Amino acid sequence: MDFVNSHGSTVVVHWINYDGRRQQYAVLRPGQSYRQQTYVGHPWVVADERGRGLVCFEPDRQTLRAVIR
């Protein structure tokens, strides 16, 4: 999955682990992107720096572009 930060501020990319908790994987400043190897059924949440969820993504069998606006 390719995460792209088109948001006006820094965002934090988290995987929701098997216990249902966020596990931080990346911090993206505006305009930055990040490629994450993942699997179908592994949910991802992108939050602002305060931890407020902005958007959730679920991967597909093909590489998806997850744009955070």
C-alpha atoms as a PDB file:
ATOM      1  CA  MET A   1       0.000   0.000   0.000  1.00  0.00           C
ATOM      2  CA  ASP A   2       1.320   3.436  -0.910  1.00  0.00           C
ATOM      3  CA  PHE A   3       0.360   6.069   1.667  1.00  0.00           C
ATOM      4  CA  VAL A   4       0.483   9.653   0.338  1.00  0.00           C
ATOM      5  CA  ASN A   5       0.060  12.644   2.647  1.00  0.00           C
ATOM      6  CA  SER A   6      -1.910  15.318   0.784  1.00  0.00           C
ATOM      7  CA  HIS A   7      -3.196  16.638   4.107  1.00  0.00           C
ATOM      8  CA  GLY A   8      -2.092  20.074   5.275  1.00  0.00           C
ATOM      9  CA  SER A   9      -0.217  18.742   8.304  1.00  0.00           C
ATOM     10  CA  THR A  10       1.792  15.790   9.579  1.00  0.00           C
ATOM     11  CA  VAL A  11      -0.021  12.444   9.848  1.00  0.00           C
ATOM     12  CA  VAL A  12       0.798   9.138  11.539  1.00  0.00           C
ATOM     13  CA  VAL A  13       0.208   5.764   9.846  1.00  0.00           C
ATOM     14  CA  HIS A  14      -0.839   2.887  12.115  1.00  0.00           C
ATOM     15  CA  TRP A  15      -1.593  -0.786  11.561  1.00  0.00           C
ATOM     16  CA  ILE A  16      -4.434  -2.127  13.696  1.00  0.00           C
ATOM     17  CA  ASN A  17      -2.783  -5.204  15.246  1.00  0.00           C
ATOM     18  CA  TYR A  18      -4.366  -8.511  16.228  1.00  0.00           C
ATOM     19  CA  ASP A  19      -5.322  -7.112  19.640  1.00  0.00           C
ATOM     20  CA  GLY A  20      -7.197  -4.211  17.996  1.00  0.00           C
ATOM     21  CA  ARG A  21      -4.550  -1.664  18.994  1.00  0.00           C
ATOM     22  CA  ARG A  22      -2.712   0.854  16.873  1.00  0.00           C
ATOM     23  CA  GLN A  23       0.881   0.058  16.025  1.00  0.00           C
ATOM     24  CA  GLN A  24       2.738   3.040  14.544  1.00  0.00           C
ATOM     25  CA  TYR A  25       4.562   2.483  11.269  1.00  0.00           C
ATOM     26  CA  ALA A  26       5.275   5.915   9.767  1.00  0.00           C
ATOM     27  CA  VAL A  27       5.089   9.652  10.325  1.00  0.00           C
ATOM     28  CA  LEU A  28       4.498  11.621   7.124  1.00  0.00           C
ATOM     29  CA  ARG A  29       4.939  15.347   6.704  1.00  0.00           C
ATOM     30  CA  PRO A  30       2.786  17.090   4.069  1.00  0.00           C
ATOM     31  CA  GLY A  31       3.735  15.864   0.598  1.00  0.00           C
ATOM     32  CA  GLN A  32       5.593  12.764   1.816  1.00  0.00           C
ATOM     33  CA  SER A  33       4.728   9.201   0.838  1.00  0.00           C
ATOM     34  CA  TYR A  34       5.503   5.766   2.246  1.00  0.00           C
ATOM     35  CA  ARG A  35       5.191   2.236   0.824  1.00  0.00           C
ATOM     36  CA  GLN A  36       4.099  -0.460   3.264  1.00  0.00           C
ATOM     37  CA  GLN A  37       4.040  -4.190   2.556  1.00  0.00           C
ATOM     38  CA  THR A  38       0.779  -5.537   3.975  1.00  0.00           C
ATOM     39  CA  TYR A  39      -1.894  -8.183   3.509  1.00  0.00           C
ATOM     40  CA  VAL A  40      -5.595  -8.322   2.656  1.00  0.00           C
ATOM     41  CA  GLY A  41      -7.554  -8.049   5.899  1.00  0.00           C
ATOM     42  CA  HIS A  42      -4.968  -5.904   7.715  1.00  0.00           C
ATOM     43  CA  PRO A  43      -6.647  -2.570   8.539  1.00  0.00           C
ATOM     44  CA  TRP A  44      -4.707   0.685   8.627  1.00  0.00           C
ATOM     45  CA  VAL A  45      -5.678   3.978  10.249  1.00  0.00           C
ATOM     46  CA  VAL A  46      -4.114   7.362   9.613  1.00  0.00           C
ATOM     47  CA  ALA A  47      -4.309   9.873  12.443  1.00  0.00           C
ATOM     48  CA  ASP A  48      -3.262  13.455  13.076  1.00  0.00           C
ATOM     49  CA  GLU A  49      -0.431  14.179  15.512  1.00  0.00           C
ATOM     50  CA  ARG A  50      -2.913  14.273  18.416  1.00  0.00           C
ATOM     51  CA  GLY A  51      -4.065  10.741  17.621  1.00  0.00           C
ATOM     52  CA  ARG A  52      -7.443  11.636  16.123  1.00  0.00           C
ATOM     53  CA  GLY A  53      -8.320   9.241  13.310  1.00  0.00           C
ATOM     54  CA  LEU A  54      -8.571  10.842   9.876  1.00  0.00           C
ATOM     55  CA  VAL A  55      -9.145   7.881   7.568  1.00  0.00           C
ATOM     56  CA  CYS A  56      -9.004   4.075   7.502  1.00  0.00           C
ATOM     57  CA  PHE A  57      -7.751   1.882   4.665  1.00  0.00           C
ATOM     58  CA  GLU A  58      -7.952  -1.837   3.973  1.00  0.00           C
ATOM     59  CA  PRO A  59      -5.500  -3.352   1.483  1.00  0.00           C
ATOM     60  CA  ASP A  60      -6.410  -5.211  -1.690  1.00  0.00           C
ATOM     61  CA  ARG A  61      -4.542  -7.940  -3.566  1.00  0.00           C
ATOM     62  CA  GLN A  62      -2.936  -5.277  -5.753  1.00  0.00           C
ATOM     63  CA  THR A  63      -0.945  -2.285  -4.524  1.00  0.00           C
ATOM     64  CA  LEU A  64      -3.293   0.573  -3.704  1.00  0.00           C
ATOM     65  CA  ARG A  65      -2.576   4.280  -3.399  1.00  0.00           C
ATOM     66  CA  ALA A  66      -3.983   5.554  -0.098  1.00  0.00           C
ATOM     67  CA  VAL A  67      -4.189   9.345  -0.342  1.00  0.00           C
ATOM     68  CA  ILE A  68      -4.717  11.200   2.924  1.00  0.00           C
ATOM     69  CA  ARG A  69      -6.580  14.476   2.322  1.00  0.00           C
END
